[in-house]
Amino acid sequence: MAEADCCEIAPGLTEEEFSRIKATYGFEFSPEHRAFLAAGLPVASPPEEGATWQQPWPDWRHADADDLRHRLEWPVREVLSDVAYGSWHPALGVRPTTTEEAVEVAREVLARAPRLVPVYAHRFIPAGRDTPGHPVLSVWGTDIIYYGHDLADYIDREFGEVDAEAPWAPQASVPFWKDFLG
């Protein structure tokens, strides 16, 4: 990460900070996400033109709680937005007749789905201490695609150099969200 010179890296999160995040936001990081953030906390990148976030890295140490909640709610909010505009995915079950009913059914299904945690902008990895090795997902509405076999592979692909000839076959592993992947 540091070699890619893509961002400022602050000292990693402490055990106390991980405990605060768990108490405040109600989740634990996956083992590899936790190790990544303990090694160093990415906090600043040059803003990309037209980007949704001025700062794509969530600052788990200093960010406003509302900003972090907004990021944590992104996957659910995005799927619900697509549903409200008429999109429906089979992972949500049978589509109700009205848009209002569809949004409510989708909201109920999403409430049971595993929580996704932001890594960078709209790239997410499943929460949970017992959830190692999941692929990193890009979530834009119901357009959900792989962005890395796992966190390390994602970092290489997003910020480093990857052999274009290398095999690419991530394995979907997180319940519900994997149903969106082709």
N, C-alpha and C. Protein backbone atom coordinates (compact mmCIF):
# COMPACT_ATOMS: atom_id res chain seq x y z
N MET A 1 0.82 -1.18 0.00
CA MET A 1 0.00 0.00 0.00
C MET A 1 0.88 1.26 0.00
N ALA A 2 1.82 1.29 0.92
CA ALA A 2 2.69 2.46 1.00
C ALA A 2 3.50 2.62 -0.28
N GLU A 3 3.87 1.49 -0.91
CA GLU A 3 4.65 1.56 -2.14
C GLU A 3 3.85 2.19 -3.27
N ALA A 4 2.55 2.05 -3.24
CA ALA A 4 1.70 2.58 -4.31
C ALA A 4 1.59 4.10 -4.24
N ASP A 5 1.94 4.69 -3.10
CA ASP A 5 1.90 6.14 -2.92
C ASP A 5 0.53 6.71 -3.29
N CYS A 6 -0.51 6.00 -2.85
CA CYS A 6 -1.87 6.42 -3.22
C CYS A 6 -2.56 7.21 -2.13
N CYS A 7 -1.97 7.24 -0.96
CA CYS A 7 -2.66 7.92 0.13
C CYS A 7 -1.72 8.14 1.31
N GLU A 8 -2.17 8.98 2.20
CA GLU A 8 -1.48 9.18 3.47
C GLU A 8 -1.88 8.04 4.39
N ILE A 9 -0.91 7.50 5.12
CA ILE A 9 -1.21 6.40 6.03
C ILE A 9 -0.83 6.83 7.45
N ALA A 10 -1.84 6.85 8.31
CA ALA A 10 -1.64 7.19 9.72
C ALA A 10 -1.33 5.91 10.50
N PRO A 11 -0.88 6.06 11.73
CA PRO A 11 -0.67 4.86 12.55
C PRO A 11 -1.95 4.02 12.59
N GLY A 12 -1.76 2.71 12.69
CA GLY A 12 -2.89 1.79 12.67
C GLY A 12 -3.81 1.96 13.87
N LEU A 13 -5.02 1.41 13.72
CA LEU A 13 -5.99 1.45 14.81
C LEU A 13 -5.52 0.60 15.98
N THR A 14 -5.85 1.05 17.18
CA THR A 14 -5.49 0.33 18.40
C THR A 14 -6.64 -0.58 18.83
N GLU A 15 -6.37 -1.47 19.78
CA GLU A 15 -7.43 -2.33 20.31
C GLU A 15 -8.57 -1.50 20.89
N GLU A 16 -8.23 -0.41 21.55
CA GLU A 16 -9.25 0.48 22.11
C GLU A 16 -10.12 1.07 21.00
N GLU A 17 -9.51 1.46 19.90
CA GLU A 17 -10.28 2.02 18.78
C GLU A 17 -11.16 0.96 18.13
N PHE A 18 -10.64 -0.25 17.97
CA PHE A 18 -11.48 -1.33 17.42
C PHE A 18 -12.68 -1.58 18.33
N SER A 19 -12.47 -1.56 19.64
CA SER A 19 -13.57 -1.75 20.59
C SER A 19 -14.60 -0.62 20.49
N ARG A 20 -14.13 0.61 20.34
CA ARG A 20 -15.03 1.76 20.18
C ARG A 20 -15.87 1.63 18.92
N ILE A 21 -15.24 1.23 17.83
CA ILE A 21 -15.96 1.06 16.56
C ILE A 21 -17.02 -0.02 16.71
N LYS A 22 -16.66 -1.12 17.33
CA LYS A 22 -17.64 -2.21 17.54
C LYS A 22 -18.82 -1.72 18.37
N ALA A 23 -18.55 -1.00 19.44
CA ALA A 23 -19.62 -0.50 20.32
C ALA A 23 -20.48 0.55 19.61
N THR A 24 -19.86 1.41 18.83
CA THR A 24 -20.59 2.50 18.17
C THR A 24 -21.40 2.04 16.97
N TYR A 25 -20.81 1.17 16.15
CA TYR A 25 -21.43 0.82 14.87
C TYR A 25 -21.98 -0.61 14.81
N GLY A 26 -21.71 -1.41 15.85
CA GLY A 26 -22.32 -2.72 15.94
C GLY A 26 -21.78 -3.78 15.00
N PHE A 27 -20.51 -3.74 14.67
CA PHE A 27 -19.91 -4.80 13.85
C PHE A 27 -18.44 -4.95 14.22
N GLU A 28 -17.87 -6.07 13.79
CA GLU A 28 -16.44 -6.29 13.89
C GLU A 28 -15.89 -6.42 12.48
N PHE A 29 -14.68 -5.95 12.28
CA PHE A 29 -14.01 -6.09 10.99
C PHE A 29 -13.67 -7.55 10.75
N SER A 30 -13.60 -7.94 9.48
CA SER A 30 -13.09 -9.28 9.13
C SER A 30 -11.62 -9.34 9.56
N PRO A 31 -11.07 -10.54 9.73
CA PRO A 31 -9.67 -10.63 10.20
C PRO A 31 -8.68 -9.87 9.32
N GLU A 32 -8.81 -9.98 7.99
CA GLU A 32 -7.84 -9.30 7.13
C GLU A 32 -8.05 -7.79 7.11
N HIS A 33 -9.29 -7.33 7.21
CA HIS A 33 -9.56 -5.90 7.25
C HIS A 33 -9.02 -5.32 8.56
N ARG A 34 -9.22 -6.05 9.64
CA ARG A 34 -8.70 -5.62 10.93
C ARG A 34 -7.17 -5.53 10.91
N ALA A 35 -6.51 -6.55 10.36
CA ALA A 35 -5.05 -6.55 10.29
C ALA A 35 -4.55 -5.39 9.43
N PHE A 36 -5.23 -5.14 8.31
CA PHE A 36 -4.89 -4.04 7.41
C PHE A 36 -4.96 -2.70 8.15
N LEU A 37 -6.07 -2.47 8.88
CA LEU A 37 -6.26 -1.20 9.58
C LEU A 37 -5.37 -1.09 10.82
N ALA A 38 -4.96 -2.21 11.39
CA ALA A 38 -4.03 -2.18 12.53
C ALA A 38 -2.62 -1.85 12.06
N ALA A 39 -2.28 -2.25 10.84
CA ALA A 39 -0.95 -1.99 10.30
C ALA A 39 -0.79 -0.52 9.91
N GLY A 40 -1.84 0.11 9.47
CA GLY A 40 -1.81 1.51 9.06
C GLY A 40 -3.18 1.92 8.59
N LEU A 41 -3.58 3.12 8.94
CA LEU A 41 -4.91 3.62 8.61
C LEU A 41 -4.82 4.58 7.43
N PRO A 42 -5.29 4.16 6.24
CA PRO A 42 -5.29 5.10 5.11
C PRO A 42 -6.28 6.23 5.41
N VAL A 43 -5.82 7.47 5.30
CA VAL A 43 -6.69 8.58 5.70
C VAL A 43 -6.86 9.67 4.66
N ALA A 44 -6.01 9.75 3.68
CA ALA A 44 -6.15 10.86 2.74
C ALA A 44 -5.65 10.44 1.37
N SER A 45 -6.43 10.76 0.38
CA SER A 45 -6.05 10.54 -1.02
C SER A 45 -6.37 11.81 -1.78
N PRO A 46 -5.66 12.04 -2.86
CA PRO A 46 -6.05 13.17 -3.70
C PRO A 46 -7.47 12.92 -4.23
N PRO A 47 -8.37 13.89 -4.16
CA PRO A 47 -9.73 13.68 -4.65
C PRO A 47 -9.74 13.41 -6.16
N GLU A 48 -10.60 12.48 -6.55
CA GLU A 48 -10.76 12.16 -7.96
C GLU A 48 -11.85 13.06 -8.54
N GLU A 49 -11.64 13.52 -9.76
CA GLU A 49 -12.62 14.38 -10.41
C GLU A 49 -13.95 13.64 -10.56
N GLY A 50 -15.03 14.28 -10.14
CA GLY A 50 -16.36 13.68 -10.26
C GLY A 50 -16.64 12.57 -9.26
N ALA A 51 -15.77 12.37 -8.29
CA ALA A 51 -15.93 11.27 -7.34
C ALA A 51 -17.08 11.55 -6.38
N THR A 52 -17.71 10.48 -5.92
CA THR A 52 -18.81 10.59 -4.96
C THR A 52 -18.30 11.07 -3.61
N TRP A 53 -17.10 10.63 -3.23
CA TRP A 53 -16.53 11.00 -1.95
C TRP A 53 -15.32 11.90 -2.17
N GLN A 54 -15.25 12.99 -1.40
CA GLN A 54 -14.03 13.79 -1.42
C GLN A 54 -12.89 12.99 -0.82
N GLN A 55 -13.22 12.17 0.16
CA GLN A 55 -12.23 11.31 0.80
C GLN A 55 -12.74 9.87 0.72
N PRO A 56 -12.20 9.08 -0.20
CA PRO A 56 -12.73 7.73 -0.39
C PRO A 56 -12.42 6.75 0.75
N TRP A 57 -11.35 6.99 1.51
CA TRP A 57 -11.02 6.10 2.63
C TRP A 57 -11.86 6.48 3.84
N PRO A 58 -12.57 5.54 4.44
CA PRO A 58 -13.25 5.87 5.69
C PRO A 58 -12.20 6.10 6.78
N ASP A 59 -12.31 7.20 7.48
CA ASP A 59 -11.37 7.49 8.57
C ASP A 59 -12.01 7.00 9.87
N TRP A 60 -11.71 5.76 10.22
CA TRP A 60 -12.32 5.12 11.38
C TRP A 60 -11.88 5.78 12.69
N ARG A 61 -10.90 6.64 12.65
CA ARG A 61 -10.42 7.29 13.87
C ARG A 61 -11.06 8.66 14.08
N HIS A 62 -11.14 9.48 13.05
CA HIS A 62 -11.54 10.88 13.22
C HIS A 62 -12.80 11.30 12.48
N ALA A 63 -13.33 10.44 11.63
CA ALA A 63 -14.49 10.86 10.83
C ALA A 63 -15.71 11.10 11.71
N ASP A 64 -16.55 11.96 11.23
CA ASP A 64 -17.84 12.22 11.86
C ASP A 64 -18.64 10.91 11.86
N ALA A 65 -19.32 10.62 12.97
CA ALA A 65 -20.10 9.39 13.08
C ALA A 65 -21.16 9.29 11.98
N ASP A 66 -21.75 10.41 11.60
CA ASP A 66 -22.75 10.38 10.53
C ASP A 66 -22.13 10.00 9.19
N ASP A 67 -20.90 10.45 8.94
CA ASP A 67 -20.21 10.07 7.71
C ASP A 67 -19.99 8.56 7.68
N LEU A 68 -19.53 8.00 8.77
CA LEU A 68 -19.28 6.56 8.80
C LEU A 68 -20.59 5.78 8.69
N ARG A 69 -21.64 6.24 9.33
CA ARG A 69 -22.94 5.57 9.20
C ARG A 69 -23.43 5.63 7.75
N HIS A 70 -23.26 6.78 7.12
CA HIS A 70 -23.64 6.94 5.71
C HIS A 70 -22.91 5.91 4.85
N ARG A 71 -21.63 5.74 5.08
CA ARG A 71 -20.84 4.77 4.32
C ARG A 71 -21.29 3.34 4.61
N LEU A 72 -21.55 3.05 5.88
CA LEU A 72 -21.99 1.71 6.26
C LEU A 72 -23.37 1.37 5.68
N GLU A 73 -24.21 2.37 5.52
CA GLU A 73 -25.56 2.16 4.99
C GLU A 73 -25.60 2.16 3.46
N TRP A 74 -24.50 2.51 2.81
CA TRP A 74 -24.46 2.63 1.36
C TRP A 74 -25.02 1.41 0.62
N PRO A 75 -24.54 0.17 0.88
CA PRO A 75 -25.04 -0.95 0.09
C PRO A 75 -26.57 -1.11 0.16
N VAL A 76 -27.13 -1.02 1.35
CA VAL A 76 -28.58 -1.16 1.51
C VAL A 76 -29.30 -0.01 0.83
N ARG A 77 -28.84 1.20 1.07
CA ARG A 77 -29.47 2.39 0.47
C ARG A 77 -29.44 2.32 -1.06
N GLU A 78 -28.34 1.86 -1.61
CA GLU A 78 -28.20 1.77 -3.06
C GLU A 78 -29.14 0.73 -3.66
N VAL A 79 -29.25 -0.43 -3.03
CA VAL A 79 -30.16 -1.46 -3.53
C VAL A 79 -31.60 -0.95 -3.44
N LEU A 80 -31.95 -0.34 -2.31
CA LEU A 80 -33.31 0.18 -2.16
C LEU A 80 -33.61 1.27 -3.19
N SER A 81 -32.64 2.08 -3.51
CA SER A 81 -32.83 3.11 -4.52
C SER A 81 -33.13 2.48 -5.88
N ASP A 82 -32.38 1.45 -6.24
CA ASP A 82 -32.64 0.76 -7.50
C ASP A 82 -34.04 0.14 -7.51
N VAL A 83 -34.43 -0.46 -6.39
CA VAL A 83 -35.76 -1.06 -6.29
C VAL A 83 -36.83 0.03 -6.46
N ALA A 84 -36.63 1.17 -5.84
CA ALA A 84 -37.59 2.27 -5.94
C ALA A 84 -37.74 2.77 -7.38
N TYR A 85 -36.69 2.59 -8.18
CA TYR A 85 -36.75 3.00 -9.59
C TYR A 85 -37.10 1.85 -10.51
N GLY A 86 -37.61 0.74 -9.95
CA GLY A 86 -38.14 -0.34 -10.77
C GLY A 86 -37.25 -1.54 -10.95
N SER A 87 -36.00 -1.47 -10.50
CA SER A 87 -35.11 -2.62 -10.63
C SER A 87 -35.50 -3.68 -9.60
N TRP A 88 -35.29 -4.92 -9.95
CA TRP A 88 -35.55 -6.01 -9.00
C TRP A 88 -34.59 -7.13 -9.32
N HIS A 89 -34.03 -7.72 -8.29
CA HIS A 89 -33.09 -8.82 -8.46
C HIS A 89 -33.69 -10.07 -7.84
N PRO A 90 -33.52 -11.24 -8.46
CA PRO A 90 -34.07 -12.47 -7.90
C PRO A 90 -33.61 -12.77 -6.48
N ALA A 91 -32.45 -12.24 -6.07
CA ALA A 91 -31.97 -12.45 -4.70
C ALA A 91 -32.95 -11.88 -3.67
N LEU A 92 -33.81 -10.97 -4.12
CA LEU A 92 -34.77 -10.33 -3.22
C LEU A 92 -36.07 -11.12 -3.10
N GLY A 93 -36.21 -12.19 -3.88
CA GLY A 93 -37.43 -12.99 -3.85
C GLY A 93 -38.37 -12.57 -4.96
N VAL A 94 -39.66 -12.84 -4.75
CA VAL A 94 -40.68 -12.50 -5.74
C VAL A 94 -41.03 -11.03 -5.61
N ARG A 95 -41.04 -10.34 -6.74
CA ARG A 95 -41.31 -8.89 -6.71
C ARG A 95 -42.79 -8.64 -6.45
N PRO A 96 -43.09 -7.83 -5.43
CA PRO A 96 -44.47 -7.43 -5.18
C PRO A 96 -44.99 -6.54 -6.31
N THR A 97 -46.28 -6.34 -6.33
CA THR A 97 -46.92 -5.59 -7.40
C THR A 97 -46.57 -4.11 -7.40
N THR A 98 -46.64 -3.48 -6.24
CA THR A 98 -46.40 -2.03 -6.20
C THR A 98 -44.96 -1.72 -5.82
N THR A 99 -44.52 -0.55 -6.21
CA THR A 99 -43.17 -0.11 -5.87
C THR A 99 -43.00 0.01 -4.36
N GLU A 100 -44.02 0.54 -3.68
CA GLU A 100 -43.93 0.70 -2.22
C GLU A 100 -43.75 -0.65 -1.54
N GLU A 101 -44.52 -1.65 -1.98
CA GLU A 101 -44.39 -2.99 -1.41
C GLU A 101 -43.03 -3.59 -1.75
N ALA A 102 -42.55 -3.35 -2.96
CA ALA A 102 -41.25 -3.87 -3.37
C ALA A 102 -40.13 -3.30 -2.49
N VAL A 103 -40.19 -2.00 -2.24
CA VAL A 103 -39.18 -1.37 -1.39
C VAL A 103 -39.24 -1.96 0.02
N GLU A 104 -40.44 -2.15 0.55
CA GLU A 104 -40.58 -2.70 1.90
C GLU A 104 -40.07 -4.14 1.98
N VAL A 105 -40.39 -4.96 0.99
CA VAL A 105 -39.89 -6.34 0.97
C VAL A 105 -38.36 -6.34 0.87
N ALA A 106 -37.83 -5.52 -0.02
CA ALA A 106 -36.38 -5.42 -0.17
C ALA A 106 -35.73 -4.97 1.14
N ARG A 107 -36.34 -4.01 1.82
CA ARG A 107 -35.81 -3.52 3.10
C ARG A 107 -35.75 -4.66 4.12
N GLU A 108 -36.79 -5.48 4.17
CA GLU A 108 -36.83 -6.62 5.11
C GLU A 108 -35.76 -7.65 4.77
N VAL A 109 -35.60 -7.95 3.49
CA VAL A 109 -34.57 -8.91 3.07
C VAL A 109 -33.18 -8.36 3.40
N LEU A 110 -32.95 -7.11 3.09
CA LEU A 110 -31.65 -6.48 3.34
C LEU A 110 -31.32 -6.40 4.83
N ALA A 111 -32.34 -6.29 5.68
CA ALA A 111 -32.11 -6.24 7.13
C ALA A 111 -31.53 -7.56 7.63
N ARG A 112 -31.76 -8.63 6.91
CA ARG A 112 -31.23 -9.94 7.31
C ARG A 112 -29.90 -10.27 6.62
N ALA A 113 -29.52 -9.47 5.64
CA ALA A 113 -28.29 -9.73 4.88
C ALA A 113 -27.06 -9.41 5.72
N PRO A 114 -25.95 -10.12 5.48
CA PRO A 114 -24.71 -9.79 6.18
C PRO A 114 -24.30 -8.35 5.91
N ARG A 115 -23.74 -7.73 6.91
CA ARG A 115 -23.32 -6.33 6.79
C ARG A 115 -22.04 -6.23 5.98
N LEU A 116 -22.03 -5.26 5.10
CA LEU A 116 -20.82 -4.96 4.34
C LEU A 116 -20.17 -3.72 4.93
N VAL A 117 -18.84 -3.73 4.97
CA VAL A 117 -18.07 -2.64 5.58
C VAL A 117 -17.24 -1.96 4.50
N PRO A 118 -17.28 -0.63 4.46
CA PRO A 118 -16.53 0.07 3.42
C PRO A 118 -15.02 -0.07 3.60
N VAL A 119 -14.36 -0.30 2.48
CA VAL A 119 -12.90 -0.35 2.43
C VAL A 119 -12.40 0.95 1.81
N TYR A 120 -12.99 1.28 0.66
CA TYR A 120 -12.57 2.46 -0.11
C TYR A 120 -13.73 2.83 -1.03
N ALA A 121 -14.23 4.04 -0.91
CA ALA A 121 -15.36 4.50 -1.74
C ALA A 121 -16.49 3.48 -1.68
N HIS A 122 -16.90 2.94 -2.83
CA HIS A 122 -18.00 1.97 -2.84
C HIS A 122 -17.50 0.54 -2.98
N ARG A 123 -16.33 0.27 -2.40
CA ARG A 123 -15.77 -1.08 -2.32
C ARG A 123 -15.97 -1.58 -0.89
N PHE A 124 -16.48 -2.79 -0.75
CA PHE A 124 -16.88 -3.32 0.55
C PHE A 124 -16.39 -4.74 0.76
N ILE A 125 -16.28 -5.09 2.02
CA ILE A 125 -15.94 -6.46 2.43
C ILE A 125 -16.89 -6.82 3.58
N PRO A 126 -17.30 -8.08 3.69
CA PRO A 126 -18.22 -8.45 4.77
C PRO A 126 -17.62 -8.22 6.15
N ALA A 127 -18.47 -7.83 7.07
CA ALA A 127 -18.09 -7.67 8.48
C ALA A 127 -18.00 -9.05 9.12
N GLY A 128 -17.35 -9.10 10.25
CA GLY A 128 -17.37 -10.31 11.07
C GLY A 128 -16.01 -10.92 11.30
N ARG A 129 -15.74 -11.16 12.56
CA ARG A 129 -14.46 -11.76 12.94
C ARG A 129 -14.30 -13.17 12.39
N ASP A 130 -15.40 -13.84 12.12
CA ASP A 130 -15.34 -15.21 11.62
C ASP A 130 -15.56 -15.27 10.12
N THR A 131 -15.16 -14.23 9.40
CA THR A 131 -15.43 -14.17 7.96
C THR A 131 -14.16 -13.88 7.16
N PRO A 132 -13.12 -14.72 7.28
CA PRO A 132 -11.90 -14.45 6.53
C PRO A 132 -12.02 -14.81 5.05
N GLY A 133 -11.22 -14.14 4.23
CA GLY A 133 -11.05 -14.52 2.85
C GLY A 133 -12.15 -14.20 1.87
N HIS A 134 -13.01 -13.28 2.19
CA HIS A 134 -14.07 -12.92 1.25
C HIS A 134 -13.53 -11.99 0.17
N PRO A 135 -14.14 -12.04 -1.02
CA PRO A 135 -13.77 -11.06 -2.05
C PRO A 135 -14.23 -9.66 -1.66
N VAL A 136 -13.57 -8.66 -2.22
CA VAL A 136 -14.00 -7.28 -2.07
C VAL A 136 -15.01 -7.03 -3.20
N LEU A 137 -16.13 -6.41 -2.83
CA LEU A 137 -17.20 -6.15 -3.77
C LEU A 137 -17.34 -4.66 -4.03
N SER A 138 -17.64 -4.33 -5.27
CA SER A 138 -18.01 -2.97 -5.63
C SER A 138 -19.53 -2.94 -5.67
N VAL A 139 -20.12 -2.03 -4.91
CA VAL A 139 -21.58 -1.97 -4.81
C VAL A 139 -22.06 -0.62 -5.34
N TRP A 140 -22.78 -0.67 -6.44
CA TRP A 140 -23.39 0.52 -7.02
C TRP A 140 -24.81 0.14 -7.38
N GLY A 141 -25.74 0.39 -6.47
CA GLY A 141 -27.10 -0.08 -6.65
C GLY A 141 -27.11 -1.59 -6.62
N THR A 142 -27.80 -2.18 -7.60
CA THR A 142 -27.80 -3.65 -7.70
C THR A 142 -26.72 -4.13 -8.66
N ASP A 143 -25.88 -3.22 -9.11
CA ASP A 143 -24.72 -3.59 -9.92
C ASP A 143 -23.59 -3.89 -8.94
N ILE A 144 -23.43 -5.15 -8.63
CA ILE A 144 -22.45 -5.59 -7.63
C ILE A 144 -21.48 -6.53 -8.32
N ILE A 145 -20.20 -6.15 -8.28
CA ILE A 145 -19.18 -6.94 -8.97
C ILE A 145 -17.97 -7.15 -8.06
N TYR A 146 -17.14 -8.11 -8.45
CA TYR A 146 -15.89 -8.37 -7.74
C TYR A 146 -14.89 -7.26 -8.03
N TYR A 147 -14.10 -6.92 -7.00
CA TYR A 147 -12.98 -6.02 -7.22
C TYR A 147 -11.68 -6.61 -6.69
N GLY A 148 -11.75 -7.82 -6.17
CA GLY A 148 -10.56 -8.51 -5.71
C GLY A 148 -10.92 -9.84 -5.10
N HIS A 149 -10.02 -10.83 -5.23
CA HIS A 149 -10.23 -12.15 -4.62
C HIS A 149 -10.41 -12.02 -3.11
N ASP A 150 -9.65 -11.12 -2.54
CA ASP A 150 -9.68 -10.84 -1.10
C ASP A 150 -9.12 -9.42 -0.93
N LEU A 151 -8.93 -8.99 0.29
CA LEU A 151 -8.50 -7.60 0.52
C LEU A 151 -7.13 -7.31 -0.09
N ALA A 152 -6.18 -8.22 0.11
CA ALA A 152 -4.83 -8.00 -0.43
C ALA A 152 -4.86 -7.89 -1.96
N ASP A 153 -5.61 -8.78 -2.60
CA ASP A 153 -5.72 -8.75 -4.06
C ASP A 153 -6.39 -7.45 -4.51
N TYR A 154 -7.43 -7.03 -3.78
CA TYR A 154 -8.10 -5.77 -4.12
C TYR A 154 -7.11 -4.60 -4.08
N ILE A 155 -6.34 -4.51 -3.01
CA ILE A 155 -5.37 -3.40 -2.87
C ILE A 155 -4.40 -3.41 -4.06
N ASP A 156 -3.91 -4.60 -4.44
CA ASP A 156 -3.02 -4.69 -5.60
C ASP A 156 -3.72 -4.22 -6.87
N ARG A 157 -4.96 -4.64 -7.06
CA ARG A 157 -5.69 -4.30 -8.29
C ARG A 157 -6.05 -2.81 -8.35
N GLU A 158 -6.44 -2.26 -7.23
CA GLU A 158 -6.88 -0.85 -7.20
C GLU A 158 -5.70 0.12 -7.22
N PHE A 159 -4.61 -0.24 -6.54
CA PHE A 159 -3.54 0.73 -6.33
C PHE A 159 -2.17 0.28 -6.82
N GLY A 160 -2.06 -0.95 -7.23
CA GLY A 160 -0.76 -1.46 -7.67
C GLY A 160 -0.81 -1.89 -9.11
N GLU A 161 0.05 -2.81 -9.41
CA GLU A 161 0.09 -3.36 -10.76
C GLU A 161 -0.25 -4.84 -10.67
N VAL A 162 -1.13 -5.27 -11.55
CA VAL A 162 -1.56 -6.66 -11.58
C VAL A 162 -1.30 -7.21 -12.96
N ASP A 163 -0.84 -8.43 -13.00
CA ASP A 163 -0.61 -9.12 -14.26
C ASP A 163 -1.96 -9.36 -14.94
N ALA A 164 -2.18 -8.73 -16.07
CA ALA A 164 -3.46 -8.85 -16.78
C ALA A 164 -3.72 -10.28 -17.23
N GLU A 165 -2.68 -11.08 -17.33
CA GLU A 165 -2.82 -12.48 -17.75
C GLU A 165 -3.10 -13.41 -16.58
N ALA A 166 -3.00 -12.89 -15.36
CA ALA A 166 -3.22 -13.74 -14.18
C ALA A 166 -4.66 -14.23 -14.15
N PRO A 167 -4.88 -15.47 -13.70
CA PRO A 167 -6.25 -15.98 -13.64
C PRO A 167 -7.12 -15.12 -12.73
N TRP A 168 -8.37 -14.97 -13.11
CA TRP A 168 -9.31 -14.14 -12.34
C TRP A 168 -10.56 -14.96 -12.12
N ALA A 169 -10.67 -15.54 -10.94
CA ALA A 169 -11.85 -16.35 -10.62
C ALA A 169 -12.18 -16.26 -9.14
N PRO A 170 -12.57 -15.06 -8.66
CA PRO A 170 -12.92 -14.95 -7.24
C PRO A 170 -14.10 -15.85 -6.93
N GLN A 171 -14.15 -16.30 -5.71
CA GLN A 171 -15.23 -17.17 -5.26
C GLN A 171 -16.18 -16.39 -4.36
N ALA A 172 -17.41 -16.25 -4.81
CA ALA A 172 -18.42 -15.57 -4.00
C ALA A 172 -18.63 -16.37 -2.72
N SER A 173 -18.69 -15.69 -1.61
CA SER A 173 -18.76 -16.41 -0.35
C SER A 173 -19.74 -15.84 0.66
N VAL A 174 -20.15 -14.62 0.51
CA VAL A 174 -20.99 -14.03 1.53
C VAL A 174 -22.47 -14.25 1.18
N PRO A 175 -23.22 -14.82 2.11
CA PRO A 175 -24.65 -15.06 1.82
C PRO A 175 -25.35 -13.78 1.37
N PHE A 176 -26.37 -13.97 0.59
CA PHE A 176 -27.19 -12.93 -0.02
C PHE A 176 -26.42 -12.13 -1.07
N TRP A 177 -25.36 -11.44 -0.69
CA TRP A 177 -24.65 -10.57 -1.63
C TRP A 177 -24.07 -11.37 -2.78
N LYS A 178 -23.69 -12.62 -2.53
CA LYS A 178 -23.10 -13.44 -3.62
C LYS A 178 -24.12 -13.71 -4.71
N ASP A 179 -25.41 -13.65 -4.39
CA ASP A 179 -26.44 -13.90 -5.39
C ASP A 179 -26.49 -12.83 -6.47
N PHE A 180 -25.91 -11.67 -6.21
CA PHE A 180 -25.88 -10.59 -7.20
C PHE A 180 -24.75 -10.77 -8.20
N LEU A 181 -23.80 -11.62 -7.86
CA LEU A 181 -22.62 -11.81 -8.71
C LEU A 181 -22.91 -12.89 -9.75
N GLY A 182 -22.54 -12.62 -10.98
CA GLY A 182 -22.85 -13.52 -12.07
C GLY A 182 -22.06 -14.80 -12.11
